[in-house]
Amino acid sequence: MGSLERRFGSLEGAMVAGFGEVSKFAGLTFGEFVRKFLTAWFREAGEIPEGAELAKARIDGEEVDVFLEEPLIVGEVTAYAESAEEMVKLLRKAEVAKARYSREPRKILVALTARREAARELRRRA
């Protein structure tokens, strides 16, 4: 069983690395892809104004993967969630944005893949 788990872990790593290589070839990182996709989706849904663009930002020392000031959106993007720590990071960054802009941000967490236990915990916390 241990050997199978190590091989599966190796396969997961190879898949994530493979996505990284494909994204370099295509000229987009996963984070850039997510920002462009969400921008288009929010515009189509009428939730962000035409011309608004989700971007990467730094708020009081915190690097935010997905950000828009109006409406206030804060997001965390990861190719692989090993644990529910990604949710903790998102909530920390959302609190920083809330303190700075004096309003509750919309929170978005995007994980390309996640360990089964991590996915369960992320769903529970969401």
C-alpha atoms as a PDB file:
ATOM      1  CA  MET A   1       0.000   0.000   0.000  1.00  0.00           C
ATOM      2  CA  GLY A   2       2.850   2.417   0.841  1.00  0.00           C
ATOM      3  CA  SER A   3       4.437   1.810  -2.560  1.00  0.00           C
ATOM      4  CA  LEU A   4       1.131   2.526  -4.289  1.00  0.00           C
ATOM      5  CA  GLU A   5       0.695   5.768  -2.316  1.00  0.00           C
ATOM      6  CA  ARG A   6       4.228   6.911  -3.254  1.00  0.00           C
ATOM      7  CA  ARG A   7       3.597   6.139  -6.938  1.00  0.00           C
ATOM      8  CA  PHE A   8       0.270   7.980  -6.845  1.00  0.00           C
ATOM      9  CA  GLY A   9       1.935  10.961  -5.162  1.00  0.00           C
ATOM     10  CA  SER A  10       4.587  10.940  -7.867  1.00  0.00           C
ATOM     11  CA  LEU A  11       1.897  10.872 -10.566  1.00  0.00           C
ATOM     12  CA  GLU A  12       0.112  13.841  -8.946  1.00  0.00           C
ATOM     13  CA  GLY A  13       3.372  15.786  -8.940  1.00  0.00           C
ATOM     14  CA  ALA A  14       4.002  14.932 -12.582  1.00  0.00           C
ATOM     15  CA  MET A  15       0.497  16.076 -13.546  1.00  0.00           C
ATOM     16  CA  VAL A  16       0.926  19.408 -11.796  1.00  0.00           C
ATOM     17  CA  ALA A  17       4.371  19.868 -13.357  1.00  0.00           C
ATOM     18  CA  GLY A  18       2.910  18.923 -16.744  1.00  0.00           C
ATOM     19  CA  PHE A  19       0.244  21.626 -16.426  1.00  0.00           C
ATOM     20  CA  GLY A  20       3.004  24.093 -15.603  1.00  0.00           C
ATOM     21  CA  GLU A  21       4.879  23.188 -18.761  1.00  0.00           C
ATOM     22  CA  VAL A  22       1.749  23.432 -20.911  1.00  0.00           C
ATOM     23  CA  SER A  23       0.890  26.809 -19.412  1.00  0.00           C
ATOM     24  CA  LYS A  24       4.405  28.094 -20.179  1.00  0.00           C
ATOM     25  CA  PHE A  25       3.998  26.914 -23.767  1.00  0.00           C
ATOM     26  CA  ALA A  26       0.586  28.573 -24.015  1.00  0.00           C
ATOM     27  CA  GLY A  27       1.982  31.727 -22.410  1.00  0.00           C
ATOM     28  CA  LEU A  28      -0.295  31.704 -19.365  1.00  0.00           C
ATOM     29  CA  THR A  29       0.233  30.698 -15.779  1.00  0.00           C
ATOM     30  CA  PHE A  30      -2.615  28.951 -13.986  1.00  0.00           C
ATOM     31  CA  GLY A  31      -3.250  32.108 -11.970  1.00  0.00           C
ATOM     32  CA  GLU A  32      -3.459  34.235 -15.122  1.00  0.00           C
ATOM     33  CA  PHE A  33      -5.831  31.734 -16.714  1.00  0.00           C
ATOM     34  CA  VAL A  34      -8.083  31.786 -13.639  1.00  0.00           C
ATOM     35  CA  ARG A  35      -8.117  35.611 -13.519  1.00  0.00           C
ATOM     36  CA  LYS A  36      -9.050  35.865 -17.217  1.00  0.00           C
ATOM     37  CA  PHE A  37     -11.701  33.156 -16.926  1.00  0.00           C
ATOM     38  CA  LEU A  38     -13.296  34.671 -13.799  1.00  0.00           C
ATOM     39  CA  THR A  39     -13.187  38.183 -15.266  1.00  0.00           C
ATOM     40  CA  ALA A  40     -15.136  36.999 -18.324  1.00  0.00           C
ATOM     41  CA  TRP A  41     -17.550  34.977 -16.179  1.00  0.00           C
ATOM     42  CA  PHE A  42     -18.265  37.862 -13.775  1.00  0.00           C
ATOM     43  CA  ARG A  43     -18.727  40.322 -16.664  1.00  0.00           C
ATOM     44  CA  GLU A  44     -21.163  38.001 -18.423  1.00  0.00           C
ATOM     45  CA  ALA A  45     -23.092  37.578 -15.168  1.00  0.00           C
ATOM     46  CA  GLY A  46     -23.200  41.374 -14.771  1.00  0.00           C
ATOM     47  CA  GLU A  47     -21.350  41.202 -11.446  1.00  0.00           C
ATOM     48  CA  ILE A  48     -18.419  43.377 -12.486  1.00  0.00           C
ATOM     49  CA  PRO A  49     -18.525  46.392 -14.794  1.00  0.00           C
ATOM     50  CA  GLU A  50     -17.342  46.275 -18.383  1.00  0.00           C
ATOM     51  CA  GLY A  51     -13.669  47.173 -18.433  1.00  0.00           C
ATOM     52  CA  ALA A  52     -13.017  45.879 -14.902  1.00  0.00           C
ATOM     53  CA  GLU A  53     -10.307  43.248 -14.717  1.00  0.00           C
ATOM     54  CA  LEU A  54      -9.437  40.846 -11.919  1.00  0.00           C
ATOM     55  CA  ALA A  55      -5.747  41.253 -11.147  1.00  0.00           C
ATOM     56  CA  LYS A  56      -2.987  40.135  -8.833  1.00  0.00           C
ATOM     57  CA  ALA A  57      -2.424  42.616  -6.008  1.00  0.00           C
ATOM     58  CA  ARG A  58      -0.515  43.285  -2.813  1.00  0.00           C
ATOM     59  CA  ILE A  59      -2.586  44.562   0.090  1.00  0.00           C
ATOM     60  CA  ASP A  60      -0.708  45.586   3.213  1.00  0.00           C
ATOM     61  CA  GLY A  61       2.039  43.070   2.499  1.00  0.00           C
ATOM     62  CA  GLU A  62      -0.288  40.186   1.514  1.00  0.00           C
ATOM     63  CA  GLU A  63      -0.061  38.884  -2.051  1.00  0.00           C
ATOM     64  CA  VAL A  64      -3.575  38.343  -3.384  1.00  0.00           C
ATOM     65  CA  ASP A  65      -3.929  36.117  -6.465  1.00  0.00           C
ATOM     66  CA  VAL A  66      -7.339  37.451  -7.535  1.00  0.00           C
ATOM     67  CA  PHE A  67      -8.374  40.990  -6.640  1.00  0.00           C
ATOM     68  CA  LEU A  68     -10.858  43.646  -7.644  1.00  0.00           C
ATOM     69  CA  GLU A  69     -11.602  46.739  -5.579  1.00  0.00           C
ATOM     70  CA  GLU A  70     -15.150  47.421  -6.821  1.00  0.00           C
ATOM     71  CA  PRO A  71     -16.907  45.154  -6.122  1.00  0.00           C
ATOM     72  CA  LEU A  72     -14.408  43.915  -3.547  1.00  0.00           C
ATOM     73  CA  ILE A  73     -13.205  40.444  -4.569  1.00  0.00           C
ATOM     74  CA  VAL A  74     -10.328  38.527  -2.973  1.00  0.00           C
ATOM     75  CA  GLY A  75      -9.207  35.141  -4.237  1.00  0.00           C
ATOM     76  CA  GLU A  76      -6.560  32.491  -3.732  1.00  0.00           C
ATOM     77  CA  VAL A  77      -5.413  30.278  -6.622  1.00  0.00           C
ATOM     78  CA  THR A  78      -3.392  27.104  -6.289  1.00  0.00           C
ATOM     79  CA  ALA A  79      -2.582  24.236  -8.596  1.00  0.00           C
ATOM     80  CA  TYR A  80      -2.598  21.767  -5.700  1.00  0.00           C
ATOM     81  CA  ALA A  81      -4.179  21.925  -2.248  1.00  0.00           C
ATOM     82  CA  GLU A  82      -2.328  19.599   0.102  1.00  0.00           C
ATOM     83  CA  SER A  83      -4.488  20.666   3.038  1.00  0.00           C
ATOM     84  CA  ALA A  84      -7.156  23.149   4.051  1.00  0.00           C
ATOM     85  CA  GLU A  85      -4.352  25.693   4.617  1.00  0.00           C
ATOM     86  CA  GLU A  86      -5.366  27.351   1.316  1.00  0.00           C
ATOM     87  CA  MET A  87      -8.680  28.312   2.931  1.00  0.00           C
ATOM     88  CA  VAL A  88      -6.831  29.731   5.950  1.00  0.00           C
ATOM     89  CA  LYS A  89      -4.676  31.853   3.603  1.00  0.00           C
ATOM     90  CA  LEU A  90      -7.757  33.073   1.725  1.00  0.00           C
ATOM     91  CA  LEU A  91      -9.538  34.061   4.930  1.00  0.00           C
ATOM     92  CA  ARG A  92      -6.438  35.873   6.233  1.00  0.00           C
ATOM     93  CA  LYS A  93      -6.140  37.863   3.002  1.00  0.00           C
ATOM     94  CA  ALA A  94      -9.872  38.607   3.027  1.00  0.00           C
ATOM     95  CA  GLU A  95      -9.556  40.031   6.557  1.00  0.00           C
ATOM     96  CA  VAL A  96      -6.695  42.283   5.430  1.00  0.00           C
ATOM     97  CA  ALA A  97      -8.819  43.533   2.513  1.00  0.00           C
ATOM     98  CA  LYS A  98     -11.844  44.003   4.790  1.00  0.00           C
ATOM     99  CA  ALA A  99      -9.790  46.101   7.208  1.00  0.00           C
ATOM    100  CA  ARG A 100      -8.372  48.214   4.389  1.00  0.00           C
ATOM    101  CA  TYR A 101     -11.587  48.767   2.409  1.00  0.00           C
ATOM    102  CA  SER A 102     -14.097  48.672   5.321  1.00  0.00           C
ATOM    103  CA  ARG A 103     -16.387  46.126   3.693  1.00  0.00           C
ATOM    104  CA  GLU A 104     -16.716  42.374   3.361  1.00  0.00           C
ATOM    105  CA  PRO A 105     -15.043  40.989   0.225  1.00  0.00           C
ATOM    106  CA  ARG A 106     -16.388  38.213  -1.936  1.00  0.00           C
ATOM    107  CA  LYS A 107     -14.032  35.283  -1.353  1.00  0.00           C
ATOM    108  CA  ILE A 108     -12.961  32.844  -4.068  1.00  0.00           C
ATOM    109  CA  LEU A 109     -10.742  29.789  -3.737  1.00  0.00           C
ATOM    110  CA  VAL A 110      -9.647  27.952  -6.878  1.00  0.00           C
ATOM    111  CA  ALA A 111      -7.654  24.713  -6.617  1.00  0.00           C
ATOM    112  CA  LEU A 112      -6.816  22.718  -9.741  1.00  0.00           C
ATOM    113  CA  THR A 113      -6.400  19.530  -7.706  1.00  0.00           C
ATOM    114  CA  ALA A 114      -6.579  18.645  -4.028  1.00  0.00           C
ATOM    115  CA  ARG A 115      -5.930  15.679  -1.809  1.00  0.00           C
ATOM    116  CA  ARG A 116      -9.192  13.920  -1.050  1.00  0.00           C
ATOM    117  CA  GLU A 117      -9.040  14.810   2.647  1.00  0.00           C
ATOM    118  CA  ALA A 118      -8.201  18.417   1.824  1.00  0.00           C
ATOM    119  CA  ALA A 119     -11.095  18.651  -0.649  1.00  0.00           C
ATOM    120  CA  ARG A 120     -13.511  17.328   1.971  1.00  0.00           C
ATOM    121  CA  GLU A 121     -12.269  19.822   4.557  1.00  0.00           C
ATOM    122  CA  LEU A 122     -12.392  22.706   2.071  1.00  0.00           C
ATOM    123  CA  ARG A 123     -15.990  21.858   1.176  1.00  0.00           C
ATOM    124  CA  ARG A 124     -16.908  21.622   4.854  1.00  0.00           C
ATOM    125  CA  ARG A 125     -15.385  25.017   5.640  1.00  0.00           C
ATOM    126  CA  ALA A 126     -16.909  26.668   2.573  1.00  0.00           C
END
